[in-house]
Amino acid sequence: MHRSRLYGLFLDTPDADAAGAFWSGVFGTPAAPDPHEPQFRMLAGAFPGLAVGVQQIGPGDEPRYHVDIETDDIDAETARLTALGAVEINRWLDCHILRAPGGHLLCVIPVHSDPALFDAEARTWP
């Protein structure tokens, strides 16, 4: 058995600074660079319990949204999602990048949230 939960929603754009400033104004929270992953501008507090951020992508890439699913077993969660129809398209560090039916991107990542939040909100899967 393993557990997982929706960790975050990310707005992917070729101009993270401009988009970060815009979404900062929309949500009323500062767009702060992530010290560990500088391609992100995090919008802490935009949605309690959910990481929200803007991610810098390549200049030729189309703007898009993606979600991160955090889990205590990356391989098991990736297998669960591929059984549902997702296709693994890449890996980056500990992140498995999948494309869901319909074309949306999602990343399966190790637990990033506070352990108490993960324990309270994660679902258990067989």
Protein backbone atom coordinates (compact mmCIF):
# COMPACT_ATOMS: atom_id res chain seq x y z
CA MET A 1 0.00 0.00 0.00
CA HIS A 2 1.04 3.57 -0.59
CA ARG A 3 -0.37 7.05 -0.09
CA SER A 4 -0.63 10.12 -2.32
CA ARG A 5 -2.26 13.53 -2.51
CA LEU A 6 -2.48 16.51 -4.81
CA TYR A 7 0.49 18.64 -3.79
CA GLY A 8 0.38 21.58 -6.16
CA LEU A 9 -0.86 23.44 -9.20
CA PHE A 10 1.72 25.10 -11.41
CA LEU A 11 1.39 27.62 -14.23
CA ASP A 12 4.13 26.92 -16.76
CA THR A 13 5.22 29.90 -18.87
CA PRO A 14 8.18 31.23 -20.84
CA ASP A 15 8.07 34.43 -18.71
CA ALA A 16 7.85 33.41 -15.05
CA ASP A 17 8.62 36.90 -13.74
CA ALA A 18 5.76 38.62 -15.59
CA ALA A 19 3.34 35.75 -14.94
CA GLY A 20 4.42 35.57 -11.30
CA ALA A 21 3.72 39.29 -10.87
CA PHE A 22 0.29 38.90 -12.49
CA TRP A 23 -0.78 35.88 -10.42
CA SER A 24 0.64 37.50 -7.31
CA GLY A 25 -1.81 40.33 -7.87
CA VAL A 26 -4.67 37.94 -8.63
CA PHE A 27 -4.19 35.90 -5.44
CA GLY A 28 -2.89 38.71 -3.21
CA THR A 29 0.26 36.87 -2.24
CA PRO A 30 3.91 37.55 -3.15
CA ALA A 31 5.58 35.56 -5.94
CA ALA A 32 8.77 34.41 -4.21
CA PRO A 33 11.60 32.56 -5.96
CA ASP A 34 12.07 29.02 -4.69
CA PRO A 35 15.63 28.89 -3.27
CA HIS A 36 16.02 25.21 -4.22
CA GLU A 37 14.43 25.35 -7.69
CA PRO A 38 15.00 28.81 -9.21
CA GLN A 39 12.71 28.15 -12.19
CA PHE A 40 9.73 28.50 -9.79
CA ARG A 41 8.04 31.60 -8.35
CA MET A 42 5.93 30.31 -5.47
CA LEU A 43 2.61 31.90 -4.49
CA ALA A 44 2.53 30.78 -0.86
CA GLY A 45 -0.90 31.01 0.73
CA ALA A 46 -2.82 31.31 -2.55
CA PHE A 47 -4.75 28.14 -1.63
CA PRO A 48 -4.19 26.76 1.88
CA GLY A 49 -2.78 23.25 1.84
CA LEU A 50 -1.88 23.44 -1.86
CA ALA A 51 1.41 24.62 -3.36
CA VAL A 52 0.78 27.11 -6.17
CA GLY A 53 3.54 28.47 -8.33
CA VAL A 54 4.70 29.74 -11.68
CA GLN A 55 7.36 27.69 -13.48
CA GLN A 56 9.73 29.02 -16.12
CA ILE A 57 9.67 26.83 -19.26
CA GLY A 58 11.54 27.10 -22.54
CA PRO A 59 10.89 30.02 -24.89
CA GLY A 60 9.40 27.73 -27.56
CA ASP A 61 7.09 25.91 -25.14
CA GLU A 62 3.41 26.80 -24.96
CA PRO A 63 2.05 28.07 -21.63
CA ARG A 64 0.22 25.33 -19.74
CA TYR A 65 -0.82 24.12 -16.32
CA HIS A 66 0.42 21.01 -14.57
CA VAL A 67 -0.22 19.34 -11.23
CA ASP A 68 2.16 17.61 -8.85
CA ILE A 69 1.05 14.54 -6.94
CA GLU A 70 3.17 13.78 -3.91
CA THR A 71 3.54 10.24 -2.66
CA ASP A 72 5.40 8.05 -0.21
CA ASP A 73 6.09 5.54 -3.05
CA ILE A 74 6.90 7.09 -6.44
CA ASP A 75 7.07 3.79 -8.33
CA ALA A 76 3.73 2.56 -6.95
CA GLU A 77 1.97 5.87 -7.64
CA THR A 78 3.41 6.04 -11.16
CA ALA A 79 2.20 2.48 -11.78
CA ARG A 80 -1.26 3.37 -10.43
CA LEU A 81 -1.55 6.39 -12.71
CA THR A 82 -0.27 4.57 -15.79
CA ALA A 83 -2.83 1.82 -15.12
CA LEU A 84 -5.46 4.58 -15.25
CA GLY A 85 -4.19 5.65 -18.68
CA ALA A 86 -1.34 8.11 -18.10
CA VAL A 87 1.90 7.69 -20.05
CA GLU A 88 5.30 8.36 -18.48
CA ILE A 89 7.15 10.74 -20.80
CA ASN A 90 10.23 11.75 -18.81
CA ARG A 91 12.03 11.80 -15.48
CA TRP A 92 13.84 14.65 -13.78
CA LEU A 93 15.64 14.00 -10.50
CA ASP A 94 13.06 12.17 -8.31
CA CYS A 95 10.15 13.40 -10.44
CA HIS A 96 8.28 11.15 -12.88
CA ILE A 97 6.59 13.25 -15.58
CA LEU A 98 3.41 11.80 -17.04
CA ARG A 99 0.87 12.83 -19.66
CA ALA A 100 -2.72 12.11 -18.68
CA PRO A 101 -5.41 11.14 -21.17
CA GLY A 102 -6.48 14.49 -22.61
CA GLY A 103 -2.88 15.69 -22.82
CA HIS A 104 -2.36 17.36 -19.43
CA LEU A 105 0.97 17.01 -17.65
CA LEU A 106 1.38 15.76 -14.12
CA CYS A 107 4.41 15.04 -12.01
CA VAL A 108 4.76 12.34 -9.38
CA ILE A 109 7.10 13.60 -6.68
CA PRO A 110 8.27 12.51 -3.24
CA VAL A 111 6.45 14.04 -0.28
CA HIS A 112 7.19 17.79 -0.18
CA SER A 113 4.47 19.03 2.17
CA ASP A 114 4.56 19.10 5.94
CA PRO A 115 4.34 15.47 7.17
CA ALA A 116 1.27 16.27 9.31
CA LEU A 117 -0.55 17.72 6.27
CA PHE A 118 0.41 14.70 4.18
CA ASP A 119 -0.76 12.30 6.90
CA ALA A 120 -4.08 14.15 7.24
CA GLU A 121 -4.89 14.48 3.51
CA ALA A 122 -3.21 11.61 1.65
CA ARG A 123 -5.33 8.76 0.34
CA THR A 124 -4.22 5.18 0.80
CA TRP A 125 -4.06 2.98 -2.28
CA PRO A 126 -3.74 -0.81 -2.45
